[in-house]
Amino acid sequence: MTIPPRLRVLRIFGRYQEYGGEEAAARRIHETLEPYMDGEWFESSTDALLGNSNLERIRAPFRVIHNERIAQKLRRLQADKKFDAWEIHNVFPSLSPSVYAIGIRLGVPLIQYLHNYRMSCVNGMFLNHGEPCVRCIGGDFFPAVRTICWRNSRIACAFTGLALKRIRRLDVFQYVKGWIAVSEAQKTLHVRMGIPAERIHVVPHFLDVVENEVSAIRQDGYALFLGRLSAEKGIAQLLEAWRQVRYPGARLVIAGKGPEEEKLRALARDKRLSNVEFRGFVPAQAHNDLWAGARFLVVPSIWEEPFGLVVLEAWAHGRPVLASDRGSFPEMINGGGLLCSPDSSGEFAAAIQRMFEPTDLASNLAAAGQKQLRTNFCREAWIDRIRSAYEQCGLTGMAPIRY
C-alpha cells in the first residue's frame, strides 16, 4: 500500500493591531494540525500596512484593495515551496484580496476558514451601531458607507467595501474549493451571501477537558461574564437585565477588557448596581479560581456570534451557561444551559434568577454540557471533520489521528 505524501499547506492570516480571538483560533488550528500536515504560517499586519511614514499611511487604504507586495511574496513562496493548498483565515486589512487573485492565477486550491462575516460586511459582524443588520449581504456596500458602521469612518467603510467588491469580481465565492464554517448558523448566513452550500463544511471548535479543573458548583457563586468588553457582546443589555434581578445575594462578575469598559462601569454606577464587580483582564493562569467562584456563565451577545468558545470553557469547568438565542448558541447549548433573548431584559432577568435558585438545574445543565464537550466538541471529532473537509476538496495526505 502506497502512503500518499503529507499535505503541504500554507496558512494565511492578516493580523489586526490588537491580538484577539480570531488570531488565537487561527494559531491554535495551526498548532493542532502540525502532527497531521506540513503547514507553514504566512502573515502580515495592520502595522506593516500603515508603515512608518506619512506616504505609507496615505497609500494604506489603497493597499486594502490591492497589495502588490503581498502578491509578489506569495508568488515567490509558492514557486519555492509548491504548497498543495492555501488555507486562508483573514486577508483584511493588511493582505488584501490580492491573496485570492494570485492564488487563482497560480491555480492553487484555496480553503477559506470563516471566523466572522467579513465576506459581506465591512465590520464582519452584521451589526450596525448596536442593531442587527444584513443590508450589505447581497454585495452592495453603499449602506455601510452611508451609515458609517465601522470605525466611525466613512473612508474605512468605503475602502473595505471596495475590497469586498473586488472579492466578488474575482469570483472567489465560486473558485474557493472549500469553506470551513464553525457553526450551522454561520453557514446559513454565508449561503445567503451566495456561497454554494455544498462547499461549506461545518467544523465547530474543540476544547480539551482537564478533569482536575472541575470544582463543585457553589450556591453562593456569582454569575460570570468572561470576554472582551465590546458592544456586540451585549454587556449593556446584561446590566439592564441585572437591574431587575431580585434574588438575595446575587452577584455579577465581569472579567475582561475592551473599548466599552469605561462606558459599562459608568452605566453600572448610574444604575446603582453595587452587586456588579468589574475584574478587568484576568490572566489565563488565574481562570481556575475565577471559574471556581462562578455559579454559571452568562453570554448575552447581541450579534450572530459564529461560535462561543467560552461556552466550552464553562462546560470544561463544570459550569452551565445562560446564553443569548442569537447565532451559534441555540445549536451549541443543546441541554447544556438556558437560552433567552438579549432584547428582553425581563426575560433575561427571569432566566438569571432561575440559575441562582437552589435546585438541581445548574448541576444538571452543567452535566449535559460536559457530555457534549466530550462527544461533539472534542479534539478527535474536530480532526475528523477537518480531514473530511479537506478530502471532499480533493486534498488527501493528512496523517492518521494520534491517540
Protein backbone atom coordinates (compact mmCIF):
# COMPACT_ATOMS: atom_id res chain seq x y z
CA MET A 1 0.00 0.00 0.00
CA THR A 2 1.44 3.36 -1.07
CA ILE A 3 1.19 6.07 1.57
CA PRO A 4 0.39 9.45 -0.01
CA PRO A 5 2.79 12.30 0.80
CA ARG A 6 1.78 14.60 3.63
CA LEU A 7 -0.26 17.62 2.69
CA ARG A 8 1.74 20.84 2.38
CA VAL A 9 -0.46 23.78 3.35
CA LEU A 10 0.26 27.50 3.58
CA ARG A 11 -1.83 29.00 6.37
CA ILE A 12 -2.50 32.71 5.76
CA PHE A 13 -3.52 35.30 8.35
CA GLY A 14 -3.70 39.08 8.33
CA ARG A 15 -3.05 40.36 11.84
CA TYR A 16 -5.03 43.20 13.37
CA GLN A 17 -3.47 45.89 15.55
CA GLU A 18 -4.70 44.09 18.66
CA TYR A 19 -4.39 40.36 19.36
CA GLY A 20 -7.86 38.84 19.56
CA GLY A 21 -9.91 35.67 19.49
CA GLU A 22 -9.67 35.26 15.72
CA GLU A 23 -5.88 35.21 15.76
CA ALA A 24 -5.86 32.90 18.78
CA ALA A 25 -8.17 30.48 16.95
CA ALA A 26 -6.08 30.55 13.76
CA ARG A 27 -2.82 29.90 15.62
CA ARG A 28 -4.44 27.12 17.62
CA ILE A 29 -5.60 25.47 14.40
CA HIS A 30 -2.07 25.76 13.01
CA GLU A 31 -0.56 24.13 16.10
CA THR A 32 -3.22 21.40 16.32
CA LEU A 33 -2.73 20.32 12.70
CA GLU A 34 1.07 20.25 12.94
CA PRO A 35 1.19 16.46 13.51
CA TYR A 36 -1.15 15.81 10.57
CA MET A 37 0.08 18.02 7.74
CA ASP A 38 3.10 20.14 6.83
CA GLY A 39 1.84 23.64 7.49
CA GLU A 40 3.66 26.94 7.12
CA TRP A 41 2.43 30.24 8.59
CA PHE A 42 2.27 33.40 6.46
CA GLU A 43 1.21 36.72 7.90
CA SER A 44 1.33 40.46 7.61
CA SER A 45 -0.14 43.05 9.95
CA THR A 46 -2.04 46.30 10.12
CA ASP A 47 1.10 47.95 11.48
CA ALA A 48 3.06 46.77 8.43
CA LEU A 49 0.30 48.11 6.19
CA LEU A 50 0.41 51.55 7.83
CA GLY A 51 4.23 51.69 7.69
CA ASN A 52 6.45 54.31 9.28
CA SER A 53 5.94 57.31 7.02
CA ASN A 54 3.11 59.65 6.06
CA LEU A 55 3.37 58.44 2.46
CA GLU A 56 2.88 54.84 3.57
CA ARG A 57 -0.20 55.83 5.56
CA ILE A 58 -1.65 57.64 2.55
CA ARG A 59 -1.14 54.52 0.42
CA ALA A 60 -2.52 52.13 3.07
CA PRO A 61 -6.25 52.42 2.18
CA PHE A 62 -5.47 51.56 -1.44
CA ARG A 63 -3.44 48.53 -0.34
CA VAL A 64 -6.53 47.26 1.48
CA ILE A 65 -7.91 46.75 -2.04
CA HIS A 66 -4.70 45.55 -3.72
CA ASN A 67 -1.38 44.88 -2.00
CA GLU A 68 1.18 44.13 -4.70
CA ARG A 69 3.97 43.45 -2.18
CA ILE A 70 1.93 40.63 -0.65
CA ALA A 71 1.11 39.23 -4.10
CA GLN A 72 4.81 39.12 -5.01
CA LYS A 73 5.75 37.43 -1.73
CA LEU A 74 3.10 34.75 -2.21
CA ARG A 75 4.11 34.17 -5.82
CA ARG A 76 7.73 33.57 -4.80
CA LEU A 77 6.75 31.41 -1.84
CA GLN A 78 4.50 29.17 -3.92
CA ALA A 79 7.18 28.78 -6.59
CA ASP A 80 9.69 27.77 -3.95
CA LYS A 81 7.57 25.53 -1.69
CA LYS A 82 4.85 24.28 -4.09
CA PHE A 83 2.11 24.02 -1.47
CA ASP A 84 -0.80 21.68 -2.17
CA ALA A 85 -3.28 24.28 -0.88
CA TRP A 86 -3.60 27.63 0.86
CA GLU A 87 -5.75 27.79 3.97
CA ILE A 88 -6.82 31.44 4.26
CA HIS A 89 -8.06 32.78 7.60
CA ASN A 90 -8.12 36.53 7.13
CA VAL A 91 -6.94 38.96 4.45
CA PHE A 92 -8.19 42.25 5.97
CA PRO A 93 -6.85 44.82 6.12
CA SER A 94 -3.15 44.11 5.52
CA LEU A 95 -3.12 41.28 2.97
CA SER A 96 -6.00 42.43 0.74
CA PRO A 97 -7.93 40.38 -1.88
CA SER A 98 -4.60 40.10 -3.74
CA VAL A 99 -4.23 36.81 -1.83
CA TYR A 100 -7.17 35.38 -3.77
CA ALA A 101 -6.10 36.98 -7.05
CA ILE A 102 -2.63 35.45 -7.02
CA GLY A 103 -3.93 32.09 -5.76
CA ILE A 104 -6.43 31.93 -8.63
CA ARG A 105 -3.76 32.99 -11.14
CA LEU A 106 -1.37 30.28 -9.92
CA GLY A 107 -4.12 27.63 -9.82
CA VAL A 108 -3.60 26.90 -6.11
CA PRO A 109 -6.53 25.15 -4.36
CA LEU A 110 -7.91 27.58 -1.78
CA ILE A 111 -9.59 26.73 1.53
CA GLN A 112 -11.23 29.62 3.38
CA TYR A 113 -11.63 29.31 7.15
CA LEU A 114 -14.51 31.52 8.29
CA HIS A 115 -14.22 33.35 11.62
CA ASN A 116 -16.79 36.13 11.12
CA TYR A 117 -18.99 37.61 8.37
CA ARG A 118 -16.40 39.84 6.69
CA MET A 119 -17.14 38.44 3.21
CA SER A 120 -20.32 40.54 3.12
CA CYS A 121 -19.99 43.02 5.99
CA VAL A 122 -17.38 45.74 6.36
CA ASN A 123 -17.22 45.26 10.14
CA GLY A 124 -17.58 41.48 9.94
CA MET A 125 -20.39 41.25 12.50
CA PHE A 126 -23.66 42.08 10.68
CA LEU A 127 -24.13 44.71 13.36
CA ASN A 128 -24.85 48.37 12.68
CA HIS A 129 -24.47 50.70 15.67
CA GLY A 130 -25.69 48.04 18.06
CA GLU A 131 -28.51 46.74 15.87
CA PRO A 132 -28.57 43.55 13.75
CA CYS A 133 -28.03 44.44 10.09
CA VAL A 134 -27.69 42.45 6.86
CA ARG A 135 -28.14 45.35 4.41
CA CYS A 136 -24.91 44.51 2.55
CA ILE A 137 -25.29 40.72 2.44
CA GLY A 138 -26.02 40.76 -1.31
CA GLY A 139 -22.84 42.62 -2.21
CA ASP A 140 -23.93 46.28 -2.28
CA PHE A 141 -21.80 48.04 0.35
CA PHE A 142 -23.14 51.57 -0.08
CA PRO A 143 -25.36 51.19 3.04
CA ALA A 144 -22.19 50.70 5.10
CA VAL A 145 -20.72 53.91 3.73
CA ARG A 146 -23.97 55.77 4.30
CA THR A 147 -24.44 54.60 7.89
CA ILE A 148 -20.70 54.63 8.80
CA CYS A 149 -20.96 51.30 10.62
CA TRP A 150 -17.24 50.59 11.05
CA ARG A 151 -14.62 52.56 12.96
CA ASN A 152 -16.84 55.67 12.75
CA SER A 153 -15.11 56.32 9.44
CA ARG A 154 -16.77 56.73 6.07
CA ILE A 155 -13.36 56.30 4.42
CA ALA A 156 -12.71 52.98 6.21
CA CYS A 157 -16.17 51.73 5.22
CA ALA A 158 -15.68 52.83 1.60
CA PHE A 159 -12.28 51.22 1.06
CA THR A 160 -13.31 47.99 2.80
CA GLY A 161 -16.46 47.94 0.69
CA LEU A 162 -14.35 48.32 -2.46
CA ALA A 163 -12.11 45.46 -1.32
CA LEU A 164 -15.16 43.26 -0.77
CA LYS A 165 -16.50 44.19 -4.21
CA ARG A 166 -13.14 43.09 -5.66
CA ILE A 167 -13.58 39.68 -3.98
CA ARG A 168 -16.87 39.28 -5.81
CA ARG A 169 -15.40 40.44 -9.12
CA LEU A 170 -12.68 37.80 -8.72
CA ASP A 171 -15.47 35.20 -8.37
CA VAL A 172 -13.92 33.99 -5.12
CA PHE A 173 -17.22 32.50 -3.94
CA GLN A 174 -17.08 30.02 -6.83
CA TYR A 175 -13.32 29.47 -7.03
CA VAL A 176 -12.62 28.55 -3.40
CA LYS A 177 -12.76 24.76 -3.14
CA GLY A 178 -13.93 24.61 0.46
CA TRP A 179 -15.23 26.99 3.09
CA ILE A 180 -14.94 25.95 6.73
CA ALA A 181 -17.67 27.39 8.94
CA VAL A 182 -17.65 26.95 12.71
CA SER A 183 -21.42 26.58 13.07
CA GLU A 184 -24.55 25.88 11.07
CA ALA A 185 -25.76 29.41 11.85
CA GLN A 186 -22.63 30.86 10.29
CA LYS A 187 -23.03 28.58 7.26
CA THR A 188 -26.62 29.73 6.74
CA LEU A 189 -25.61 33.38 6.50
CA HIS A 190 -22.78 32.59 4.09
CA VAL A 191 -25.18 30.68 1.85
CA ARG A 192 -27.31 33.84 1.81
CA MET A 193 -24.23 35.72 0.61
CA GLY A 194 -24.08 33.48 -2.45
CA ILE A 195 -21.54 30.82 -1.47
CA PRO A 196 -22.61 27.32 -2.63
CA ALA A 197 -23.96 25.38 0.36
CA GLU A 198 -22.29 22.14 -0.72
CA ARG A 199 -18.86 23.77 -0.43
CA ILE A 200 -19.33 24.94 3.16
CA HIS A 201 -18.18 22.38 5.74
CA VAL A 202 -19.20 22.91 9.37
CA VAL A 203 -16.30 22.24 11.76
CA PRO A 204 -17.06 23.53 15.28
CA HIS A 205 -14.15 24.42 17.54
CA PHE A 206 -13.00 21.97 20.22
CA LEU A 207 -11.65 22.17 23.76
CA ASP A 208 -9.65 19.60 25.67
CA VAL A 209 -11.06 18.68 29.09
CA VAL A 210 -8.77 18.67 32.11
CA GLU A 211 -10.67 16.68 34.72
CA ASN A 212 -8.94 18.10 37.80
CA GLU A 213 -10.08 21.62 36.88
CA VAL A 214 -13.72 20.84 37.70
CA SER A 215 -14.94 22.09 41.09
CA ALA A 216 -18.37 21.78 42.69
CA ILE A 217 -20.94 24.47 41.89
CA ARG A 218 -21.36 26.78 44.87
CA GLN A 219 -24.78 28.00 45.93
CA ASP A 220 -23.25 31.40 46.75
CA GLY A 221 -21.40 31.55 43.43
CA TYR A 222 -21.70 34.51 41.10
CA ALA A 223 -22.89 34.95 37.52
CA LEU A 224 -19.80 35.32 35.34
CA PHE A 225 -19.25 37.21 32.11
CA LEU A 226 -15.84 36.42 30.62
CA GLY A 227 -14.73 38.06 27.39
CA ARG A 228 -13.99 41.24 25.52
CA LEU A 229 -15.91 44.31 26.67
CA SER A 230 -17.24 45.44 23.30
CA ALA A 231 -20.69 46.47 22.11
CA GLU A 232 -21.53 43.24 20.27
CA LYS A 233 -21.07 41.19 23.45
CA GLY A 234 -24.31 42.63 24.89
CA ILE A 235 -22.98 43.63 28.32
CA ALA A 236 -25.06 46.83 28.36
CA GLN A 237 -28.15 44.68 27.81
CA LEU A 238 -26.98 42.35 30.58
CA LEU A 239 -26.67 45.25 33.02
CA GLU A 240 -30.19 46.38 32.15
CA ALA A 241 -31.49 42.88 32.88
CA TRP A 242 -29.38 42.65 36.05
CA ARG A 243 -31.12 45.76 37.39
CA GLN A 244 -34.31 43.67 37.55
CA VAL A 245 -32.78 40.67 39.37
CA ARG A 246 -34.13 40.43 42.90
CA TYR A 247 -32.50 37.22 44.09
CA PRO A 248 -30.92 37.68 47.56
CA GLY A 249 -27.13 37.68 47.46
CA ALA A 250 -26.92 37.55 43.64
CA ARG A 251 -23.62 38.86 42.25
CA LEU A 252 -22.32 39.51 38.76
CA VAL A 253 -18.60 39.40 37.96
CA ILE A 254 -17.47 40.89 34.64
CA ALA A 255 -13.97 39.76 33.66
CA GLY A 256 -12.24 41.24 30.64
CA LYS A 257 -11.17 44.47 29.00
CA GLY A 258 -12.20 46.28 25.85
CA PRO A 259 -13.31 49.54 24.27
CA GLU A 260 -16.60 49.68 26.19
CA GLU A 261 -15.10 49.21 29.67
CA GLU A 262 -15.36 52.79 30.97
CA LYS A 263 -18.82 53.21 29.48
CA LEU A 264 -20.01 50.00 31.15
CA ARG A 265 -18.51 50.91 34.51
CA ALA A 266 -20.30 54.26 34.34
CA LEU A 267 -23.54 52.50 33.38
CA ALA A 268 -23.29 50.21 36.41
CA ARG A 269 -22.68 53.21 38.66
CA ASP A 270 -25.61 55.13 37.17
CA LYS A 271 -27.91 52.16 37.76
CA ARG A 272 -26.50 51.77 41.31
CA LEU A 273 -25.60 48.15 40.71
CA SER A 274 -23.49 47.62 43.81
CA ASN A 275 -23.52 43.85 43.29
CA VAL A 276 -21.66 44.08 39.97
CA GLU A 277 -17.88 43.74 40.06
CA PHE A 278 -15.51 44.54 37.19
CA ARG A 279 -12.38 42.42 37.47
CA GLY A 280 -10.58 43.75 34.40
CA PHE A 281 -8.26 41.44 32.49
CA VAL A 282 -7.80 38.09 34.24
CA PRO A 283 -4.71 36.14 33.08
CA ALA A 284 -5.19 32.55 31.96
CA GLN A 285 -3.34 31.15 34.98
CA ALA A 286 -6.00 32.71 37.24
CA HIS A 287 -9.00 31.34 35.33
CA ASN A 288 -9.38 28.25 37.52
CA ASP A 289 -10.05 30.43 40.56
CA LEU A 290 -12.41 32.60 38.52
CA TRP A 291 -14.47 29.58 37.47
CA ALA A 292 -14.38 28.06 40.97
CA GLY A 293 -16.25 31.09 42.31
CA ALA A 294 -18.82 31.11 39.48
CA ARG A 295 -22.24 29.50 39.61
CA PHE A 296 -22.89 29.91 35.88
CA LEU A 297 -21.63 31.70 32.76
CA VAL A 298 -23.73 34.39 31.12
CA VAL A 299 -23.25 35.16 27.39
CA PRO A 300 -25.59 37.99 26.30
CA SER A 301 -24.22 38.56 22.77
CA ILE A 302 -26.40 40.71 20.51
CA TRP A 303 -24.68 39.72 17.24
CA GLU A 304 -24.83 36.48 15.27
CA GLU A 305 -21.80 35.06 17.06
CA PRO A 306 -20.34 32.29 14.85
CA PHE A 307 -19.11 30.22 17.79
CA GLY A 308 -18.86 30.93 21.52
CA LEU A 309 -15.68 29.19 22.64
CA VAL A 310 -16.25 30.50 26.16
CA VAL A 311 -19.26 28.14 26.36
CA LEU A 312 -16.90 25.18 26.00
CA GLU A 313 -14.67 26.70 28.71
CA ALA A 314 -17.65 26.89 31.05
CA TRP A 315 -18.52 23.23 30.47
CA ALA A 316 -14.88 22.21 30.90
CA HIS A 317 -15.03 23.80 34.36
CA GLY A 318 -18.35 22.17 35.19
CA ARG A 319 -20.49 25.29 34.84
CA PRO A 320 -23.81 25.73 33.00
CA VAL A 321 -24.48 28.55 30.55
CA LEU A 322 -27.14 31.20 30.16
CA ALA A 323 -26.78 32.46 26.60
CA SER A 324 -28.34 34.69 24.02
CA ASP A 325 -30.57 32.98 21.47
CA ARG A 326 -28.53 34.51 18.63
CA GLY A 327 -26.04 32.98 16.22
CA SER A 328 -24.47 29.65 17.11
CA PHE A 329 -25.72 29.42 20.70
CA PRO A 330 -29.03 27.59 20.05
CA GLU A 331 -27.22 24.75 18.23
CA MET A 332 -24.36 24.68 20.75
CA ILE A 333 -26.24 24.73 24.05
CA ASN A 334 -28.49 21.71 23.39
CA GLY A 335 -29.27 20.98 27.05
CA GLY A 336 -26.10 22.46 28.50
CA GLY A 337 -27.74 25.72 29.51
CA LEU A 338 -30.63 28.13 29.01
CA LEU A 339 -31.36 30.47 26.11
CA CYS A 340 -33.18 33.78 26.09
CA SER A 341 -33.45 36.93 24.01
CA PRO A 342 -30.99 39.74 24.82
CA ASP A 343 -33.69 42.14 23.58
CA SER A 344 -35.96 41.31 26.53
CA SER A 345 -34.44 42.45 29.82
CA GLY A 346 -37.32 40.89 31.73
CA GLU A 347 -36.83 37.50 30.11
CA PHE A 348 -33.10 37.64 30.77
CA ALA A 349 -33.61 38.69 34.38
CA ALA A 350 -36.04 35.80 34.96
CA ALA A 351 -33.54 33.32 33.49
CA ILE A 352 -30.77 34.70 35.70
CA GLN A 353 -32.93 34.19 38.78
CA ARG A 354 -33.68 30.60 37.73
CA MET A 355 -29.95 29.87 37.58
CA PHE A 356 -29.48 31.15 41.13
CA GLU A 357 -32.30 29.11 42.63
CA PRO A 358 -31.24 26.24 44.97
CA THR A 359 -32.38 23.41 42.70
CA ASP A 360 -30.60 20.77 40.62
CA LEU A 361 -31.00 22.90 37.48
CA ALA A 362 -27.45 24.28 37.41
CA SER A 363 -25.74 20.93 38.06
CA ASN A 364 -27.97 19.08 35.54
CA LEU A 365 -27.28 21.64 32.83
CA ALA A 366 -23.55 21.52 33.56
CA ALA A 367 -23.52 17.72 33.32
CA ALA A 368 -25.28 17.87 29.94
CA GLY A 369 -22.73 20.42 28.75
CA GLN A 370 -19.78 18.29 29.82
CA LYS A 371 -21.24 15.32 27.94
CA GLN A 372 -21.48 17.43 24.80
CA LEU A 373 -17.94 18.67 25.26
CA ARG A 374 -16.59 15.11 25.37
CA THR A 375 -18.51 13.96 22.29
CA ASN A 376 -19.30 16.83 19.90
CA PHE A 377 -16.54 19.28 20.78
CA CYS A 378 -13.52 17.08 21.45
CA ARG A 379 -10.19 17.16 19.61
CA GLU A 380 -10.71 13.82 17.80
CA ALA A 381 -14.09 14.89 16.39
CA TRP A 382 -12.58 18.17 15.20
CA ILE A 383 -9.68 16.47 13.40
CA ASP A 384 -12.05 14.00 11.73
CA ARG A 385 -14.19 16.89 10.48
CA ILE A 386 -11.18 18.81 9.17
CA ARG A 387 -9.90 15.68 7.42
CA SER A 388 -13.31 15.13 5.82
CA ALA A 389 -13.48 18.76 4.66
CA TYR A 390 -10.06 18.54 3.02
CA GLU A 391 -10.81 15.19 1.39
CA GLN A 392 -14.09 16.50 -0.04
CA CYS A 393 -11.98 19.21 -1.66
CA GLY A 394 -9.79 16.52 -3.25
CA LEU A 395 -6.90 17.10 -0.83
CA THR A 396 -5.60 13.91 0.79
CA GLY A 397 -2.48 13.15 2.78
CA MET A 398 -3.39 14.08 6.34
CA ALA A 399 -1.62 11.73 8.77
CA PRO A 400 -3.83 9.43 10.91
CA ILE A 401 -5.05 10.55 14.33
CA ARG A 402 -2.61 10.01 17.19
CA TYR A 403 -4.42 8.76 20.26
